Structure formats: C-alpha cells, structure tokens
Amino acid sequence: MRRATIGIMAAGLVVAGLSGPARAQSTTSQSGGAVAVASSDADIRALVEAARESAKAARENVDYARVVPDILTQILAKLDKLENKLDKIENAIKAGGTARRPGR
C-alpha cells in the first residue's frame, strides 16, 4: 500500500512539474494563445490519464505482491507434507529391511 501511495504521489508531482512549464509557455504566446492553451490542456489531460494508469498499475502490482507470497507459502506447505510422507516411507523400508536380515 505504501508503494502505491508513493507511486501516486510521484505521478502527481510529475504532472504538476510538467504542467507549470506548459502553462508558462502557452501564456507567453499572444497570437496563438488559444491554440497553445488547448494543446497544453490536452497534454495535461494526457499526463493525468497516464498518471491514473500508472497508479492503477501500482495498485495491481501491490495486489500481486500480496498474493504471490501466499501461493508460495501454500506450495512450501504441500512440499513439506510430501517430504514427511517420503520420510515415513523411507523409515518403514529401513525398518522392514533390518527386520528381514536377521531372519535369513
């Protein structure tokens, strides 16, 4: 959750940092002021949309990071159970083998 928050804040700072120079450039032009403002607004909308997509990806990444350790824990638990069963079988074979030898 902390990574997602940091990612969102970083994206917001990038958008804010890029929108300042874009607005400053668009206001200095007198003849094409309306066109420059429209293009900078479109650019700002594109940056905001990109920031939203980045935040969404960060949230998905956090969700994935939460799920993967759970799956790995389940796999390791199953492997431990299999190892215990194999140990029981191995011990039974050793016990059976030692009991048969003296009887021969």
PDB file of N, CA and C in Angstrom:
ATOM      1  N   MET A   1       0.827  -1.182   0.000  1.00  0.00           N
ATOM      2  CA  MET A   1       0.000   0.000   0.000  1.00  0.00           C
ATOM      3  C   MET A   1       0.873   1.247   0.000  1.00  0.00           C
ATOM      4  N   ARG A   2       1.985   1.145   0.703  1.00  0.00           N
ATOM      5  CA  ARG A   2       2.877   2.299   0.794  1.00  0.00           C
ATOM      6  C   ARG A   2       3.496   2.612  -0.560  1.00  0.00           C
ATOM      7  N   ARG A   3       3.843   1.544  -1.326  1.00  0.00           N
ATOM      8  CA  ARG A   3       4.409   1.751  -2.654  1.00  0.00           C
ATOM      9  C   ARG A   3       3.415   2.434  -3.570  1.00  0.00           C
ATOM     10  N   ALA A   4       2.160   2.011  -3.476  1.00  0.00           N
ATOM     11  CA  ALA A   4       1.128   2.613  -4.328  1.00  0.00           C
ATOM     12  C   ALA A   4       0.977   4.088  -4.001  1.00  0.00           C
ATOM     13  N   THR A   5       0.992   4.417  -2.726  1.00  0.00           N
ATOM     14  CA  THR A   5       0.866   5.813  -2.322  1.00  0.00           C
ATOM     15  C   THR A   5       2.043   6.629  -2.832  1.00  0.00           C
ATOM     16  N   ILE A   6       3.228   6.076  -2.722  1.00  0.00           N
ATOM     17  CA  ILE A   6       4.417   6.778  -3.194  1.00  0.00           C
ATOM     18  C   ILE A   6       4.350   6.945  -4.711  1.00  0.00           C
ATOM     19  N   GLY A   7       3.885   5.901  -5.407  1.00  0.00           N
ATOM     20  CA  GLY A   7       3.754   5.973  -6.859  1.00  0.00           C
ATOM     21  C   GLY A   7       2.764   7.037  -7.290  1.00  0.00           C
ATOM     22  N   ILE A   8       1.646   7.114  -6.586  1.00  0.00           N
ATOM     23  CA  ILE A   8       0.625   8.113  -6.909  1.00  0.00           C
ATOM     24  C   ILE A   8       1.162   9.515  -6.658  1.00  0.00           C
ATOM     25  N   MET A   9       1.852   9.677  -5.536  1.00  0.00           N
ATOM     26  CA  MET A   9       2.407  10.992  -5.223  1.00  0.00           C
ATOM     27  C   MET A   9       3.472  11.390  -6.244  1.00  0.00           C
ATOM     28  N   ALA A  10       4.295  10.447  -6.668  1.00  0.00           N
ATOM     29  CA  ALA A  10       5.330  10.740  -7.654  1.00  0.00           C
ATOM     30  C   ALA A  10       4.691  11.123  -8.988  1.00  0.00           C
ATOM     31  N   ALA A  11       3.647  10.402  -9.369  1.00  0.00           N
ATOM     32  CA  ALA A  11       2.969  10.736 -10.621  1.00  0.00           C
ATOM     33  C   ALA A  11       2.340  12.126 -10.542  1.00  0.00           C
ATOM     34  N   GLY A  12       1.773  12.453  -9.407  1.00  0.00           N
ATOM     35  CA  GLY A  12       1.198  13.785  -9.226  1.00  0.00           C
ATOM     36  C   GLY A  12       2.243  14.876  -9.318  1.00  0.00           C
ATOM     37  N   LEU A  13       3.408  14.621  -8.741  1.00  0.00           N
ATOM     38  CA  LEU A  13       4.492  15.606  -8.822  1.00  0.00           C
ATOM     39  C   LEU A  13       4.974  15.780 -10.255  1.00  0.00           C
ATOM     40  N   VAL A  14       5.043  14.678 -10.995  1.00  0.00           N
ATOM     41  CA  VAL A  14       5.469  14.771 -12.391  1.00  0.00           C
ATOM     42  C   VAL A  14       4.467  15.602 -13.182  1.00  0.00           C
ATOM     43  N   VAL A  15       3.177  15.322 -12.979  1.00  0.00           N
ATOM     44  CA  VAL A  15       2.137  16.070 -13.696  1.00  0.00           C
ATOM     45  C   VAL A  15       2.204  17.547 -13.318  1.00  0.00           C
ATOM     46  N   ALA A  16       2.338  17.831 -12.035  1.00  0.00           N
ATOM     47  CA  ALA A  16       2.405  19.227 -11.598  1.00  0.00           C
ATOM     48  C   ALA A  16       3.657  19.914 -12.143  1.00  0.00           C
ATOM     49  N   GLY A  17       4.761  19.196 -12.141  1.00  0.00           N
ATOM     50  CA  GLY A  17       6.002  19.769 -12.642  1.00  0.00           C
ATOM     51  C   GLY A  17       5.961  20.043 -14.128  1.00  0.00           C
ATOM     52  N   LEU A  18       5.320  19.171 -14.872  1.00  0.00           N
ATOM     53  CA  LEU A  18       5.249  19.367 -16.317  1.00  0.00           C
ATOM     54  C   LEU A  18       4.168  20.359 -16.718  1.00  0.00           C
ATOM     55  N   SER A  19       3.145  20.507 -15.901  1.00  0.00           N
ATOM     56  CA  SER A  19       2.069  21.427 -16.277  1.00  0.00           C
ATOM     57  C   SER A  19       2.475  22.894 -16.077  1.00  0.00           C
ATOM     58  N   GLY A  20       3.360  23.176 -15.139  1.00  0.00           N
ATOM     59  CA  GLY A  20       3.808  24.552 -14.905  1.00  0.00           C
ATOM     60  C   GLY A  20       4.512  25.140 -16.119  1.00  0.00           C
ATOM     61  N   PRO A  21       5.556  24.462 -16.639  1.00  0.00           N
ATOM     62  CA  PRO A  21       6.222  24.994 -17.836  1.00  0.00           C
ATOM     63  C   PRO A  21       5.296  25.032 -19.052  1.00  0.00           C
ATOM     64  N   ALA A  22       4.409  24.074 -19.183  1.00  0.00           N
ATOM     65  CA  ALA A  22       3.498  24.061 -20.327  1.00  0.00           C
ATOM     66  C   ALA A  22       2.567  25.270 -20.271  1.00  0.00           C
ATOM     67  N   ARG A  23       2.058  25.595 -19.122  1.00  0.00           N
ATOM     68  CA  ARG A  23       1.175  26.756 -18.989  1.00  0.00           C
ATOM     69  C   ARG A  23       1.962  28.057 -19.183  1.00  0.00           C
ATOM     70  N   ALA A  24       3.193  28.090 -18.686  1.00  0.00           N
ATOM     71  CA  ALA A  24       4.013  29.300 -18.847  1.00  0.00           C
ATOM     72  C   ALA A  24       4.330  29.533 -20.324  1.00  0.00           C
ATOM     73  N   GLN A  25       4.603  28.494 -21.064  1.00  0.00           N
ATOM     74  CA  GLN A  25       4.887  28.638 -22.483  1.00  0.00           C
ATOM     75  C   GLN A  25       3.646  29.055 -23.251  1.00  0.00           C
ATOM     76  N   SER A  26       2.507  28.530 -22.852  1.00  0.00           N
ATOM     77  CA  SER A  26       1.290  28.836 -23.605  1.00  0.00           C
ATOM     78  C   SER A  26       0.812  30.263 -23.337  1.00  0.00           C
ATOM     79  N   THR A  27       1.092  30.825 -22.180  1.00  0.00           N
ATOM     80  CA  THR A  27       0.627  32.177 -21.887  1.00  0.00           C
ATOM     81  C   THR A  27       1.516  33.247 -22.496  1.00  0.00           C
ATOM     82  N   THR A  28       2.767  32.929 -22.857  1.00  0.00           N
ATOM     83  CA  THR A  28       3.655  33.936 -23.441  1.00  0.00           C
ATOM     84  C   THR A  28       3.318  34.210 -24.907  1.00  0.00           C
ATOM     85  N   SER A  29       2.718  33.262 -25.575  1.00  0.00           N
ATOM     86  CA  SER A  29       2.372  33.442 -26.988  1.00  0.00           C
ATOM     87  C   SER A  29       1.072  34.238 -27.093  1.00  0.00           C
ATOM     88  N   GLN A  30       1.122  35.387 -27.768  1.00  0.00           N
ATOM     89  CA  GLN A  30      -0.066  36.236 -27.899  1.00  0.00           C
ATOM     90  C   GLN A  30      -0.917  35.841 -29.097  1.00  0.00           C
ATOM     91  N   SER A  31      -0.283  35.517 -30.226  1.00  0.00           N
ATOM     92  CA  SER A  31      -1.041  35.263 -31.444  1.00  0.00           C
ATOM     93  C   SER A  31      -1.714  33.888 -31.423  1.00  0.00           C
ATOM     94  N   GLY A  32      -1.038  32.884 -30.958  1.00  0.00           N
ATOM     95  CA  GLY A  32      -1.610  31.540 -30.948  1.00  0.00           C
ATOM     96  C   GLY A  32      -1.953  31.097 -29.541  1.00  0.00           C
ATOM     97  N   GLY A  33      -2.386  32.013 -28.718  1.00  0.00           N
ATOM     98  CA  GLY A  33      -2.655  31.706 -27.313  1.00  0.00           C
ATOM     99  C   GLY A  33      -3.730  30.666 -27.126  1.00  0.00           C
ATOM    100  N   ALA A  34      -4.814  30.768 -27.880  1.00  0.00           N
ATOM    101  CA  ALA A  34      -5.918  29.811 -27.720  1.00  0.00           C
ATOM    102  C   ALA A  34      -5.492  28.416 -28.148  1.00  0.00           C
ATOM    103  N   VAL A  35      -4.728  28.324 -29.229  1.00  0.00           N
ATOM    104  CA  VAL A  35      -4.271  27.025 -29.709  1.00  0.00           C
ATOM    105  C   VAL A  35      -3.271  26.430 -28.723  1.00  0.00           C
ATOM    106  N   ALA A  36      -2.363  27.245 -28.192  1.00  0.00           N
ATOM    107  CA  ALA A  36      -1.362  26.762 -27.250  1.00  0.00           C
ATOM    108  C   ALA A  36      -2.011  26.297 -25.959  1.00  0.00           C
ATOM    109  N   VAL A  37      -3.010  27.027 -25.479  1.00  0.00           N
ATOM    110  CA  VAL A  37      -3.701  26.626 -24.254  1.00  0.00           C
ATOM    111  C   VAL A  37      -4.454  25.335 -24.489  1.00  0.00           C
ATOM    112  N   ALA A  38      -5.091  25.199 -25.641  1.00  0.00           N
ATOM    113  CA  ALA A  38      -5.831  23.978 -25.943  1.00  0.00           C
ATOM    114  C   ALA A  38      -4.896  22.784 -26.024  1.00  0.00           C
ATOM    115  N   SER A  39      -3.748  22.967 -26.660  1.00  0.00           N
ATOM    116  CA  SER A  39      -2.809  21.851 -26.767  1.00  0.00           C
ATOM    117  C   SER A  39      -2.204  21.522 -25.405  1.00  0.00           C
ATOM    118  N   SER A  40      -1.929  22.533 -24.597  1.00  0.00           N
ATOM    119  CA  SER A  40      -1.371  22.243 -23.281  1.00  0.00           C
ATOM    120  C   SER A  40      -2.429  21.591 -22.389  1.00  0.00           C
ATOM    121  N   ASP A  41      -3.696  21.988 -22.525  1.00  0.00           N
ATOM    122  CA  ASP A  41      -4.757  21.325 -21.764  1.00  0.00           C
ATOM    123  C   ASP A  41      -4.872  19.867 -22.183  1.00  0.00           C
ATOM    124  N   ALA A  42      -4.758  19.614 -23.479  1.00  0.00           N
ATOM    125  CA  ALA A  42      -4.798  18.233 -23.962  1.00  0.00           C
ATOM    126  C   ALA A  42      -3.599  17.454 -23.428  1.00  0.00           C
ATOM    127  N   ASP A  43      -2.440  18.120 -23.414  1.00  0.00           N
ATOM    128  CA  ASP A  43      -1.256  17.471 -22.872  1.00  0.00           C
ATOM    129  C   ASP A  43      -1.431  17.168 -21.392  1.00  0.00           C
ATOM    130  N   ILE A  44      -2.013  18.116 -20.674  1.00  0.00           N
ATOM    131  CA  ILE A  44      -2.232  17.915 -19.239  1.00  0.00           C
ATOM    132  C   ILE A  44      -3.211  16.770 -19.023  1.00  0.00           C
ATOM    133  N   ARG A  45      -4.279  16.722 -19.840  1.00  0.00           N
ATOM    134  CA  ARG A  45      -5.226  15.606 -19.721  1.00  0.00           C
ATOM    135  C   ARG A  45      -4.534  14.283 -19.998  1.00  0.00           C
ATOM    136  N   ALA A  46      -3.664  14.272 -21.002  1.00  0.00           N
ATOM    137  CA  ALA A  46      -2.923  13.049 -21.319  1.00  0.00           C
ATOM    138  C   ALA A  46      -2.002  12.661 -20.163  1.00  0.00           C
ATOM    139  N   LEU A  47      -1.355  13.646 -19.564  1.00  0.00           N
ATOM    140  CA  LEU A  47      -0.487  13.354 -18.419  1.00  0.00           C
ATOM    141  C   LEU A  47      -1.281  12.856 -17.225  1.00  0.00           C
ATOM    142  N   VAL A  48      -2.439  13.447 -16.983  1.00  0.00           N
ATOM    143  CA  VAL A  48      -3.288  12.999 -15.873  1.00  0.00           C
ATOM    144  C   VAL A  48      -3.753  11.566 -16.125  1.00  0.00           C
ATOM    145  N   GLU A  49      -4.137  11.279 -17.369  1.00  0.00           N
ATOM    146  CA  GLU A  49      -4.561   9.921 -17.712  1.00  0.00           C
ATOM    147  C   GLU A  49      -3.407   8.929 -17.531  1.00  0.00           C
ATOM    148  N   ALA A  50      -2.218   9.341 -17.937  1.00  0.00           N
ATOM    149  CA  ALA A  50      -1.043   8.490 -17.753  1.00  0.00           C
ATOM    150  C   ALA A  50      -0.753   8.272 -16.266  1.00  0.00           C
ATOM    151  N   ALA A  51      -0.945   9.318 -15.469  1.00  0.00           N
ATOM    152  CA  ALA A  51      -0.747   9.184 -14.019  1.00  0.00           C
ATOM    153  C   ALA A  51      -1.774   8.224 -13.427  1.00  0.00           C
ATOM    154  N   ARG A  52      -3.008   8.296 -13.926  1.00  0.00           N
ATOM    155  CA  ARG A  52      -4.050   7.369 -13.446  1.00  0.00           C
ATOM    156  C   ARG A  52      -3.689   5.926 -13.800  1.00  0.00           C
ATOM    157  N   GLU A  53      -3.236   5.728 -15.030  1.00  0.00           N
ATOM    158  CA  GLU A  53      -2.840   4.383 -15.453  1.00  0.00           C
ATOM    159  C   GLU A  53      -1.650   3.887 -14.638  1.00  0.00           C
ATOM    160  N   SER A  54      -0.738   4.777 -14.347  1.00  0.00           N
ATOM    161  CA  SER A  54       0.415   4.415 -13.521  1.00  0.00           C
ATOM    162  C   SER A  54      -0.022   4.029 -12.117  1.00  0.00           C
ATOM    163  N   ALA A  55      -0.958   4.780 -11.559  1.00  0.00           N
ATOM    164  CA  ALA A  55      -1.472   4.463 -10.225  1.00  0.00           C
ATOM    165  C   ALA A  55      -2.199   3.127 -10.242  1.00  0.00           C
ATOM    166  N   LYS A  56      -2.957   2.883 -11.301  1.00  0.00           N
ATOM    167  CA  LYS A  56      -3.676   1.605 -11.421  1.00  0.00           C
ATOM    168  C   LYS A  56      -2.678   0.448 -11.490  1.00  0.00           C
ATOM    169  N   ALA A  57      -1.631   0.617 -12.281  1.00  0.00           N
ATOM    170  CA  ALA A  57      -0.604  -0.417 -12.381  1.00  0.00           C
ATOM    171  C   ALA A  57       0.095  -0.631 -11.042  1.00  0.00           C
ATOM    172  N   ALA A  58       0.323   0.440 -10.305  1.00  0.00           N
ATOM    173  CA  ALA A  58       0.955   0.321  -8.985  1.00  0.00           C
ATOM    174  C   ALA A  58       0.059  -0.450  -8.025  1.00  0.00           C
ATOM    175  N   ARG A  59      -1.254  -0.178  -8.075  1.00  0.00           N
ATOM    176  CA  ARG A  59      -2.191  -0.922  -7.220  1.00  0.00           C
ATOM    177  C   ARG A  59      -2.193  -2.403  -7.585  1.00  0.00           C
ATOM    178  N   GLU A  60      -2.201  -2.711  -8.886  1.00  0.00           N
ATOM    179  CA  GLU A  60      -2.173  -4.109  -9.314  1.00  0.00           C
ATOM    180  C   GLU A  60      -0.880  -4.781  -8.876  1.00  0.00           C
ATOM    181  N   ASN A  61       0.217  -4.049  -8.936  1.00  0.00           N
ATOM    182  CA  ASN A  61       1.497  -4.584  -8.503  1.00  0.00           C
ATOM    183  C   ASN A  61       1.478  -4.903  -7.013  1.00  0.00           C
ATOM    184  N   VAL A  62       0.872  -4.033  -6.234  1.00  0.00           N
ATOM    185  CA  VAL A  62       0.774  -4.269  -4.788  1.00  0.00           C
ATOM    186  C   VAL A  62      -0.093  -5.488  -4.522  1.00  0.00           C
ATOM    187  N   ASP A  63      -1.211  -5.609  -5.240  1.00  0.00           N
ATOM    188  CA  ASP A  63      -2.075  -6.777  -5.068  1.00  0.00           C
ATOM    189  C   ASP A  63      -1.328  -8.056  -5.430  1.00  0.00           C
ATOM    190  N   TYR A  64      -0.567  -8.024  -6.519  1.00  0.00           N
ATOM    191  CA  TYR A  64       0.215  -9.179  -6.945  1.00  0.00           C
ATOM    192  C   TYR A  64       1.260  -9.522  -5.885  1.00  0.00           C
ATOM    193  N   ALA A  65       1.891  -8.507  -5.324  1.00  0.00           N
ATOM    194  CA  ALA A  65       2.914  -8.739  -4.299  1.00  0.00           C
ATOM    195  C   ALA A  65       2.315  -9.355  -3.049  1.00  0.00           C
ATOM    196  N   ARG A  66       1.032  -9.094  -2.792  1.00  0.00           N
ATOM    197  CA  ARG A  66       0.373  -9.708  -1.638  1.00  0.00           C
ATOM    198  C   ARG A  66       0.020 -11.154  -1.910  1.00  0.00           C
ATOM    199  N   VAL A  67      -0.368 -11.478  -3.137  1.00  0.00           N
ATOM    200  CA  VAL A  67      -0.848 -12.816  -3.465  1.00  0.00           C
ATOM    201  C   VAL A  67       0.288 -13.804  -3.628  1.00  0.00           C
ATOM    202  N   VAL A  68       1.378 -13.402  -4.242  1.00  0.00           N
ATOM    203  CA  VAL A  68       2.468 -14.321  -4.547  1.00  0.00           C
ATOM    204  C   VAL A  68       3.031 -14.991  -3.285  1.00  0.00           C
ATOM    205  N   PRO A  69       3.327 -14.274  -2.209  1.00  0.00           N
ATOM    206  CA  PRO A  69       3.831 -14.969  -1.019  1.00  0.00           C
ATOM    207  C   PRO A  69       2.829 -15.982  -0.459  1.00  0.00           C
ATOM    208  N   ASP A  70       1.533 -15.712  -0.555  1.00  0.00           N
ATOM    209  CA  ASP A  70       0.535 -16.663  -0.086  1.00  0.00           C
ATOM    210  C   ASP A  70       0.593 -17.950  -0.887  1.00  0.00           C
ATOM    211  N   ILE A  71       0.713 -17.827  -2.197  1.00  0.00           N
ATOM    212  CA  ILE A  71       0.799 -19.008  -3.051  1.00  0.00           C
ATOM    213  C   ILE A  71       2.075 -19.779  -2.763  1.00  0.00           C
ATOM    214  N   LEU A  72       3.182 -19.062  -2.611  1.00  0.00           N
ATOM    215  CA  LEU A  72       4.453 -19.725  -2.308  1.00  0.00           C
ATOM    216  C   LEU A  72       4.390 -20.440  -0.963  1.00  0.00           C
ATOM    217  N   THR A  73       3.735 -19.852   0.004  1.00  0.00           N
ATOM    218  CA  THR A  73       3.586 -20.483   1.315  1.00  0.00           C
ATOM    219  C   THR A  73       2.790 -21.771   1.193  1.00  0.00           C
ATOM    220  N   GLN A  74       1.728 -21.747   0.402  1.00  0.00           N
ATOM    221  CA  GLN A  74       0.924 -22.953   0.200  1.00  0.00           C
ATOM    222  C   GLN A  74       1.734 -24.043  -0.493  1.00  0.00           C
ATOM    223  N   ILE A  75       2.518 -23.669  -1.491  1.00  0.00           N
ATOM    224  CA  ILE A  75       3.350 -24.655  -2.194  1.00  0.00           C
ATOM    225  C   ILE A  75       4.374 -25.266  -1.247  1.00  0.00           C
ATOM    226  N   LEU A  76       5.012 -24.428  -0.439  1.00  0.00           N
ATOM    227  CA  LEU A  76       6.008 -24.938   0.509  1.00  0.00           C
ATOM    228  C   LEU A  76       5.372 -25.857   1.550  1.00  0.00           C
ATOM    229  N   ALA A  77       4.163 -25.544   1.976  1.00  0.00           N
ATOM    230  CA  ALA A  77       3.470 -26.410   2.936  1.00  0.00           C
ATOM    231  C   ALA A  77       3.187 -27.772   2.315  1.00  0.00           C
ATOM    232  N   LYS A  78       2.749 -27.793   1.072  1.00  0.00           N
ATOM    233  CA  LYS A  78       2.498 -29.073   0.381  1.00  0.00           C
ATOM    234  C   LYS A  78       3.794 -29.855   0.217  1.00  0.00           C
ATOM    235  N   LEU A  79       4.876 -29.165  -0.128  1.00  0.00           N
ATOM    236  CA  LEU A  79       6.159 -29.849  -0.267  1.00  0.00           C
ATOM    237  C   LEU A  79       6.623 -30.438   1.066  1.00  0.00           C
ATOM    238  N   ASP A  80       6.397 -29.727   2.153  1.00  0.00           N
ATOM    239  CA  ASP A  80       6.742 -30.252   3.481  1.00  0.00           C
ATOM    240  C   ASP A  80       5.951 -31.518   3.792  1.00  0.00           C
ATOM    241  N   LYS A  81       4.661 -31.528   3.446  1.00  0.00           N
ATOM    242  CA  LYS A  81       3.830 -32.721   3.676  1.00  0.00           C
ATOM    243  C   LYS A  81       4.351 -33.899   2.857  1.00  0.00           C
ATOM    244  N   LEU A  82       4.704 -33.645   1.596  1.00  0.00           N
ATOM    245  CA  LEU A  82       5.252 -34.712   0.761  1.00  0.00           C
ATOM    246  C   LEU A  82       6.568 -35.234   1.320  1.00  0.00           C
ATOM    247  N   GLU A  83       7.395 -34.326   1.798  1.00  0.00           N
ATOM    248  CA  GLU A  83       8.677 -34.728   2.377  1.00  0.00           C
ATOM    249  C   GLU A  83       8.462 -35.593   3.613  1.00  0.00           C
ATOM    250  N   ASN A  84       7.507 -35.227   4.438  1.00  0.00           N
ATOM    251  CA  ASN A  84       7.207 -36.020   5.636  1.00  0.00           C
ATOM    252  C   ASN A  84       6.713 -37.415   5.255  1.00  0.00           C
ATOM    253  N   LYS A  85       5.860 -37.503   4.236  1.00  0.00           N
ATOM    254  CA  LYS A  85       5.369 -38.810   3.796  1.00  0.00           C
ATOM    255  C   LYS A  85       6.508 -39.659   3.245  1.00  0.00           C
ATOM    256  N   LEU A  86       7.389 -39.031   2.466  1.00  0.00           N
ATOM    257  CA  LEU A  86       8.535 -39.774   1.944  1.00  0.00           C
ATOM    258  C   LEU A  86       9.457 -40.238   3.066  1.00  0.00           C
ATOM    259  N   ASP A  87       9.615 -39.428   4.100  1.00  0.00           N
ATOM    260  CA  ASP A  87      10.432 -39.832   5.256  1.00  0.00           C
ATOM    261  C   ASP A  87       9.814 -41.037   5.959  1.00  0.00           C
ATOM    262  N   LYS A  88       8.494 -41.045   6.091  1.00  0.00           N
ATOM    263  CA  LYS A  88       7.804 -42.183   6.723  1.00  0.00           C
ATOM    264  C   LYS A  88       7.998 -43.450   5.901  1.00  0.00           C
ATOM    265  N   ILE A  89       7.879 -43.313   4.572  1.00  0.00           N
ATOM    266  CA  ILE A  89       8.064 -44.475   3.701  1.00  0.00           C
ATOM    267  C   ILE A  89       9.502 -44.973   3.790  1.00  0.00           C
ATOM    268  N   GLU A  90      10.440 -44.059   3.772  1.00  0.00           N
ATOM    269  CA  GLU A  90      11.853 -44.433   3.869  1.00  0.00           C
ATOM    270  C   GLU A  90      12.150 -45.110   5.197  1.00  0.00           C
ATOM    271  N   ASN A  91      11.606 -44.593   6.281  1.00  0.00           N
ATOM    272  CA  ASN A  91      11.818 -45.203   7.593  1.00  0.00           C
ATOM    273  C   ASN A  91      11.175 -46.582   7.662  1.00  0.00           C
ATOM    274  N   ALA A  92      10.002 -46.737   7.045  1.00  0.00           N
ATOM    275  CA  ALA A  92       9.341 -48.037   7.039  1.00  0.00           C
ATOM    276  C   ALA A  92      10.155 -49.048   6.244  1.00  0.00           C
ATOM    277  N   ILE A  93      10.734 -48.617   5.122  1.00  0.00           N
ATOM    278  CA  ILE A  93      11.559 -49.515   4.316  1.00  0.00           C
ATOM    279  C   ILE A  93      12.808 -49.913   5.087  1.00  0.00           C
ATOM    280  N   LYS A  94      13.439 -48.950   5.770  1.00  0.00           N
ATOM    281  CA  LYS A  94      14.639 -49.265   6.562  1.00  0.00           C
ATOM    282  C   LYS A  94      14.297 -50.199   7.696  1.00  0.00           C
ATOM    283  N   ALA A  95      13.174 -49.963   8.368  1.00  0.00           N
ATOM    284  CA  ALA A  95      12.772 -50.822   9.483  1.00  0.00           C
ATOM    285  C   ALA A  95      12.434 -52.230   8.964  1.00  0.00           C
ATOM    286  N   GLY A  96      11.794 -52.309   7.838  1.00  0.00           N
ATOM    287  CA  GLY A  96      11.461 -53.603   7.246  1.00  0.00           C
ATOM    288  C   GLY A  96      12.699 -54.348   6.772  1.00  0.00           C
ATOM    289  N   GLY A  97      13.642 -53.638   6.250  1.00  0.00           N
ATOM    290  CA  GLY A  97      14.881 -54.249   5.747  1.00  0.00           C
ATOM    291  C   GLY A  97      15.736 -54.781   6.862  1.00  0.00           C
ATOM    292  N   THR A  98      15.827 -54.120   7.981  1.00  0.00           N
ATOM    293  CA  THR A  98      16.640 -54.576   9.111  1.00  0.00           C
ATOM    294  C   THR A  98      15.976 -55.727   9.824  1.00  0.00           C
ATOM    295  N   ALA A  99      14.661 -55.782   9.802  1.00  0.00           N
ATOM    296  CA  ALA A  99      13.961 -56.885  10.465  1.00  0.00           C
ATOM    297  C   ALA A  99      14.090 -58.156   9.647  1.00  0.00           C
ATOM    298  N   ARG A 100      14.204 -58.104   8.356  1.00  0.00           N
ATOM    299  CA  ARG A 100      14.284 -59.288   7.493  1.00  0.00           C
ATOM    300  C   ARG A 100      15.683 -59.909   7.513  1.00  0.00           C
ATOM    301  N   ARG A 101      16.708 -59.138   7.645  1.00  0.00           N
ATOM    302  CA  ARG A 101      18.078 -59.651   7.553  1.00  0.00           C
ATOM    303  C   ARG A 101      18.397 -60.661   8.660  1.00  0.00           C
ATOM    304  N   PRO A 102      18.070 -60.370   9.919  1.00  0.00           N
ATOM    305  CA  PRO A 102      18.404 -61.377  10.935  1.00  0.00           C
ATOM    306  C   PRO A 102      17.617 -62.674  10.751  1.00  0.00           C
ATOM    307  N   GLY A 103      16.462 -62.617  10.147  1.00  0.00           N
ATOM    308  CA  GLY A 103      15.632 -63.808   9.970  1.00  0.00           C
ATOM    309  C   GLY A 103      16.131 -64.717   8.887  1.00  0.00           C
ATOM    310  N   ARG A 104      17.017 -64.339   8.047  1.00  0.00           N
ATOM    311  CA  ARG A 104      17.503 -65.146   6.928  1.00  0.00           C
ATOM    312  C   ARG A 104      18.459 -66.170   7.344  1.00  0.00           C
TER     313      ARG A 104
END
